[in-house]
Amino acid sequence: MKHLIFLILLILPLSLKAAIDTYEFKDEATRERFNKLTFELRCPKCQNQNLQDSNSPIATDLRNEIYKMLQAGSDDAEIVDFMVARYGDFVLYRPPVNQMTYLLWYGPAGLVVIGVVVVVVISRKKKKINVQGEDLDTHLSDEESQRLKNILKGEDEK
């Protein structure tokens, strides 16, 4: 019985192997272009994987489409334009700067600026108000100042 379980566990990984795409290219430059394009274009289904690394069916279809377009003599710009026309700027890891992507490009810098402003405002407010009450005496009358000192010492009379 133990031998049967061991044999099953040994054979099981063989049934899970993924299919590997094989493409024949006319020269090494075309192969490099294919690898570059599939590395730079994002899989529409996987969202954070490029076409080269994704195993989804749509990534396989897009790799086949890129291969066909390369064999037909299309240049890289035509292939990228085709993919963008079909799937939008989402398929690009580096989308162009335009009205639709301003927030994507400049949003993080805007958040950093807002964070710095908030920190500066809070630190300036903290400088004005000294926790120990020493700076508060300038804004209070003598009677209020004495009462505040008594409260801080724990000797409030009222």
C-alpha atoms as a PDB file:
ATOM      1  CA  MET A   1       0.000   0.000   0.000  1.00  0.00           C
ATOM      2  CA  LYS A   2       2.825   2.403   0.857  1.00  0.00           C
ATOM      3  CA  HIS A   3       4.458   1.717  -2.501  1.00  0.00           C
ATOM      4  CA  LEU A   4       1.245   2.553  -4.328  1.00  0.00           C
ATOM      5  CA  ILE A   5       0.887   5.887  -2.509  1.00  0.00           C
ATOM      6  CA  PHE A   6       4.536   6.675  -3.202  1.00  0.00           C
ATOM      7  CA  LEU A   7       4.065   5.859  -6.899  1.00  0.00           C
ATOM      8  CA  ILE A   8       0.967   8.066  -7.133  1.00  0.00           C
ATOM      9  CA  LEU A   9       2.770  10.944  -5.442  1.00  0.00           C
ATOM     10  CA  LEU A  10       5.675  10.483  -7.823  1.00  0.00           C
ATOM     11  CA  ILE A  11       3.511  10.503 -10.966  1.00  0.00           C
ATOM     12  CA  LEU A  12       1.076  13.263  -9.881  1.00  0.00           C
ATOM     13  CA  PRO A  13       3.373  16.231 -10.658  1.00  0.00           C
ATOM     14  CA  LEU A  14       3.860  14.969 -14.215  1.00  0.00           C
ATOM     15  CA  SER A  15       0.177  15.448 -14.949  1.00  0.00           C
ATOM     16  CA  LEU A  16       0.308  19.058 -13.739  1.00  0.00           C
ATOM     17  CA  LYS A  17       3.031  20.299 -16.067  1.00  0.00           C
ATOM     18  CA  ALA A  18       2.162  23.394 -18.084  1.00  0.00           C
ATOM     19  CA  ALA A  19       2.257  23.546 -21.839  1.00  0.00           C
ATOM     20  CA  ILE A  20       5.248  25.435 -23.182  1.00  0.00           C
ATOM     21  CA  ASP A  21       4.853  27.682 -26.197  1.00  0.00           C
ATOM     22  CA  THR A  22       7.429  27.061 -28.887  1.00  0.00           C
ATOM     23  CA  TYR A  23       7.870  29.535 -31.694  1.00  0.00           C
ATOM     24  CA  GLU A  24      10.165  29.319 -34.703  1.00  0.00           C
ATOM     25  CA  PHE A  25      11.724  32.638 -35.685  1.00  0.00           C
ATOM     26  CA  LYS A  26      13.552  33.497 -38.889  1.00  0.00           C
ATOM     27  CA  ASP A  27      16.379  35.198 -36.967  1.00  0.00           C
ATOM     28  CA  GLU A  28      17.586  36.018 -33.468  1.00  0.00           C
ATOM     29  CA  ALA A  29      16.546  39.698 -33.753  1.00  0.00           C
ATOM     30  CA  THR A  30      12.894  38.687 -34.255  1.00  0.00           C
ATOM     31  CA  ARG A  31      13.096  36.382 -31.221  1.00  0.00           C
ATOM     32  CA  GLU A  32      14.467  39.253 -29.127  1.00  0.00           C
ATOM     33  CA  ARG A  33      11.665  41.560 -30.350  1.00  0.00           C
ATOM     34  CA  PHE A  34       9.096  38.905 -29.426  1.00  0.00           C
ATOM     35  CA  ASN A  35      10.596  38.507 -25.942  1.00  0.00           C
ATOM     36  CA  LYS A  36      10.771  42.276 -25.450  1.00  0.00           C
ATOM     37  CA  LEU A  37       7.137  42.791 -26.516  1.00  0.00           C
ATOM     38  CA  THR A  38       5.766  39.945 -24.418  1.00  0.00           C
ATOM     39  CA  PHE A  39       7.764  41.218 -21.436  1.00  0.00           C
ATOM     40  CA  GLU A  40       6.550  44.832 -21.801  1.00  0.00           C
ATOM     41  CA  LEU A  41       2.862  44.118 -22.415  1.00  0.00           C
ATOM     42  CA  ARG A  42       0.563  43.285 -19.510  1.00  0.00           C
ATOM     43  CA  CYS A  43      -1.911  40.412 -19.498  1.00  0.00           C
ATOM     44  CA  PRO A  44      -5.482  41.816 -19.439  1.00  0.00           C
ATOM     45  CA  LYS A  45      -6.691  38.997 -17.197  1.00  0.00           C
ATOM     46  CA  CYS A  46      -3.799  38.612 -14.758  1.00  0.00           C
ATOM     47  CA  GLN A  47      -3.386  42.381 -14.322  1.00  0.00           C
ATOM     48  CA  ASN A  48       0.113  42.336 -12.834  1.00  0.00           C
ATOM     49  CA  GLN A  49       1.794  39.736 -14.990  1.00  0.00           C
ATOM     50  CA  ASN A  50       3.296  40.345 -18.367  1.00  0.00           C
ATOM     51  CA  LEU A  51       2.349  38.226 -21.367  1.00  0.00           C
ATOM     52  CA  GLN A  52       5.595  36.289 -21.108  1.00  0.00           C
ATOM     53  CA  ASP A  53       4.926  35.055 -17.565  1.00  0.00           C
ATOM     54  CA  SER A  54       1.175  34.536 -17.707  1.00  0.00           C
ATOM     55  CA  ASN A  55      -0.411  31.137 -18.273  1.00  0.00           C
ATOM     56  CA  SER A  56      -3.922  32.444 -18.897  1.00  0.00           C
ATOM     57  CA  PRO A  57      -5.639  31.566 -22.181  1.00  0.00           C
ATOM     58  CA  ILE A  58      -5.841  35.197 -23.258  1.00  0.00           C
ATOM     59  CA  ALA A  59      -2.101  35.638 -22.716  1.00  0.00           C
ATOM     60  CA  THR A  60      -1.494  32.615 -24.922  1.00  0.00           C
ATOM     61  CA  ASP A  61      -3.756  34.113 -27.598  1.00  0.00           C
ATOM     62  CA  LEU A  62      -1.952  37.457 -27.387  1.00  0.00           C
ATOM     63  CA  ARG A  63       1.466  35.801 -27.628  1.00  0.00           C
ATOM     64  CA  ASN A  64       0.215  33.962 -30.741  1.00  0.00           C
ATOM     65  CA  GLU A  65      -1.075  37.245 -32.169  1.00  0.00           C
ATOM     66  CA  ILE A  66       2.262  38.967 -31.545  1.00  0.00           C
ATOM     67  CA  TYR A  67       4.056  36.036 -33.170  1.00  0.00           C
ATOM     68  CA  LYS A  68       1.795  36.244 -36.260  1.00  0.00           C
ATOM     69  CA  MET A  69       2.272  39.995 -36.530  1.00  0.00           C
ATOM     70  CA  LEU A  70       6.058  39.632 -36.267  1.00  0.00           C
ATOM     71  CA  GLN A  71       6.032  36.955 -38.967  1.00  0.00           C
ATOM     72  CA  ALA A  72       3.921  39.292 -41.153  1.00  0.00           C
ATOM     73  CA  GLY A  73       6.580  41.986 -40.829  1.00  0.00           C
ATOM     74  CA  SER A  74       4.852  44.386 -38.427  1.00  0.00           C
ATOM     75  CA  ASP A  75       7.126  46.654 -36.445  1.00  0.00           C
ATOM     76  CA  ASP A  76       6.975  47.031 -32.650  1.00  0.00           C
ATOM     77  CA  ALA A  77       4.965  50.271 -32.763  1.00  0.00           C
ATOM     78  CA  GLU A  78       2.262  48.665 -34.918  1.00  0.00           C
ATOM     79  CA  ILE A  79       1.982  45.710 -32.550  1.00  0.00           C
ATOM     80  CA  VAL A  80       1.762  47.954 -29.470  1.00  0.00           C
ATOM     81  CA  ASP A  81      -0.810  50.196 -31.200  1.00  0.00           C
ATOM     82  CA  PHE A  82      -2.877  47.119 -32.070  1.00  0.00           C
ATOM     83  CA  MET A  83      -2.835  45.926 -28.459  1.00  0.00           C
ATOM     84  CA  VAL A  84      -3.689  49.382 -27.096  1.00  0.00           C
ATOM     85  CA  ALA A  85      -6.541  49.770 -29.601  1.00  0.00           C
ATOM     86  CA  ARG A  86      -7.914  46.414 -28.524  1.00  0.00           C
ATOM     87  CA  TYR A  87      -7.344  46.531 -24.735  1.00  0.00           C
ATOM     88  CA  GLY A  88      -6.641  50.168 -23.924  1.00  0.00           C
ATOM     89  CA  ASP A  89      -3.636  51.702 -22.163  1.00  0.00           C
ATOM     90  CA  PHE A  90      -4.020  49.040 -19.468  1.00  0.00           C
ATOM     91  CA  VAL A  91      -1.882  46.586 -21.438  1.00  0.00           C
ATOM     92  CA  LEU A  92       1.096  48.940 -21.184  1.00  0.00           C
ATOM     93  CA  TYR A  93       3.239  48.836 -18.069  1.00  0.00           C
ATOM     94  CA  ARG A  94       4.242  52.432 -18.806  1.00  0.00           C
ATOM     95  CA  PRO A  95       1.106  54.177 -20.060  1.00  0.00           C
ATOM     96  CA  PRO A  96       1.566  57.497 -21.897  1.00  0.00           C
ATOM     97  CA  VAL A  97       1.096  60.801 -20.098  1.00  0.00           C
ATOM     98  CA  ASN A  98      -2.223  62.248 -21.284  1.00  0.00           C
ATOM     99  CA  GLN A  99      -5.459  63.603 -19.824  1.00  0.00           C
ATOM    100  CA  MET A 100      -6.660  60.118 -18.924  1.00  0.00           C
ATOM    101  CA  THR A 101      -3.493  59.208 -17.017  1.00  0.00           C
ATOM    102  CA  TYR A 102      -2.566  62.450 -15.206  1.00  0.00           C
ATOM    103  CA  LEU A 103      -3.860  61.067 -11.904  1.00  0.00           C
ATOM    104  CA  LEU A 104      -1.887  57.861 -12.403  1.00  0.00           C
ATOM    105  CA  TRP A 105       1.351  59.720 -13.099  1.00  0.00           C
ATOM    106  CA  TYR A 106       1.049  62.711 -10.766  1.00  0.00           C
ATOM    107  CA  GLY A 107      -1.254  61.367  -8.032  1.00  0.00           C
ATOM    108  CA  PRO A 108       1.509  59.866  -5.865  1.00  0.00           C
ATOM    109  CA  ALA A 109       3.534  63.097  -5.979  1.00  0.00           C
ATOM    110  CA  GLY A 110       0.390  65.054  -5.056  1.00  0.00           C
ATOM    111  CA  LEU A 111      -0.224  62.788  -2.079  1.00  0.00           C
ATOM    112  CA  VAL A 112       3.350  63.295  -0.881  1.00  0.00           C
ATOM    113  CA  VAL A 113       2.960  67.093  -1.138  1.00  0.00           C
ATOM    114  CA  ILE A 114      -0.331  66.955   0.785  1.00  0.00           C
ATOM    115  CA  GLY A 115       1.318  64.788   3.452  1.00  0.00           C
ATOM    116  CA  VAL A 116       4.211  67.238   3.849  1.00  0.00           C
ATOM    117  CA  VAL A 117       1.774  70.163   4.172  1.00  0.00           C
ATOM    118  CA  VAL A 118      -0.223  68.315   6.838  1.00  0.00           C
ATOM    119  CA  VAL A 119       2.943  67.486   8.812  1.00  0.00           C
ATOM    120  CA  VAL A 120       4.131  71.113   8.637  1.00  0.00           C
ATOM    121  CA  VAL A 121       0.746  72.465   9.762  1.00  0.00           C
ATOM    122  CA  ILE A 122       0.518  70.013  12.670  1.00  0.00           C
ATOM    123  CA  SER A 123       4.101  70.677  13.792  1.00  0.00           C
ATOM    124  CA  ARG A 124       3.528  74.445  13.744  1.00  0.00           C
ATOM    125  CA  LYS A 125       0.380  74.059  15.850  1.00  0.00           C
ATOM    126  CA  LYS A 126       2.304  71.933  18.345  1.00  0.00           C
ATOM    127  CA  LYS A 127       5.005  74.604  18.611  1.00  0.00           C
ATOM    128  CA  LYS A 128       2.371  77.216  19.502  1.00  0.00           C
ATOM    129  CA  ILE A 129       0.855  75.099  22.239  1.00  0.00           C
ATOM    130  CA  ASN A 130       3.402  73.914  24.754  1.00  0.00           C
ATOM    131  CA  VAL A 131       2.094  70.909  26.645  1.00  0.00           C
ATOM    132  CA  GLN A 132       3.599  72.097  29.951  1.00  0.00           C
ATOM    133  CA  GLY A 133       1.650  75.363  29.842  1.00  0.00           C
ATOM    134  CA  GLU A 134       4.623  77.737  29.823  1.00  0.00           C
ATOM    135  CA  ASP A 135       3.607  79.512  26.621  1.00  0.00           C
ATOM    136  CA  LEU A 136      -0.047  79.635  27.576  1.00  0.00           C
ATOM    137  CA  ASP A 137       0.609  82.322  30.223  1.00  0.00           C
ATOM    138  CA  THR A 138       1.022  84.990  27.538  1.00  0.00           C
ATOM    139  CA  HIS A 139      -2.573  84.552  26.345  1.00  0.00           C
ATOM    140  CA  LEU A 140      -4.165  84.388  29.800  1.00  0.00           C
ATOM    141  CA  SER A 141      -4.853  86.936  32.454  1.00  0.00           C
ATOM    142  CA  ASP A 142      -2.969  86.614  35.749  1.00  0.00           C
ATOM    143  CA  GLU A 143      -6.009  85.043  37.414  1.00  0.00           C
ATOM    144  CA  GLU A 144      -6.497  82.513  34.587  1.00  0.00           C
ATOM    145  CA  SER A 145      -2.786  81.720  34.546  1.00  0.00           C
ATOM    146  CA  GLN A 146      -2.780  80.992  38.298  1.00  0.00           C
ATOM    147  CA  ARG A 147      -5.894  78.814  37.966  1.00  0.00           C
ATOM    148  CA  LEU A 148      -4.269  76.868  35.100  1.00  0.00           C
ATOM    149  CA  LYS A 149      -1.152  76.219  37.160  1.00  0.00           C
ATOM    150  CA  ASN A 150      -3.323  74.981  40.021  1.00  0.00           C
ATOM    151  CA  ILE A 151      -5.233  72.661  37.668  1.00  0.00           C
ATOM    152  CA  LEU A 152      -1.996  71.267  36.290  1.00  0.00           C
ATOM    153  CA  LYS A 153      -0.727  70.653  39.815  1.00  0.00           C
ATOM    154  CA  GLY A 154      -4.041  69.012  40.721  1.00  0.00           C
ATOM    155  CA  GLU A 155      -5.108  71.716  43.167  1.00  0.00           C
ATOM    156  CA  ASP A 156      -8.242  73.068  41.475  1.00  0.00           C
ATOM    157  CA  GLU A 157     -10.288  74.941  44.080  1.00  0.00           C
ATOM    158  CA  LYS A 158     -13.576  75.310  42.219  1.00  0.00           C
END
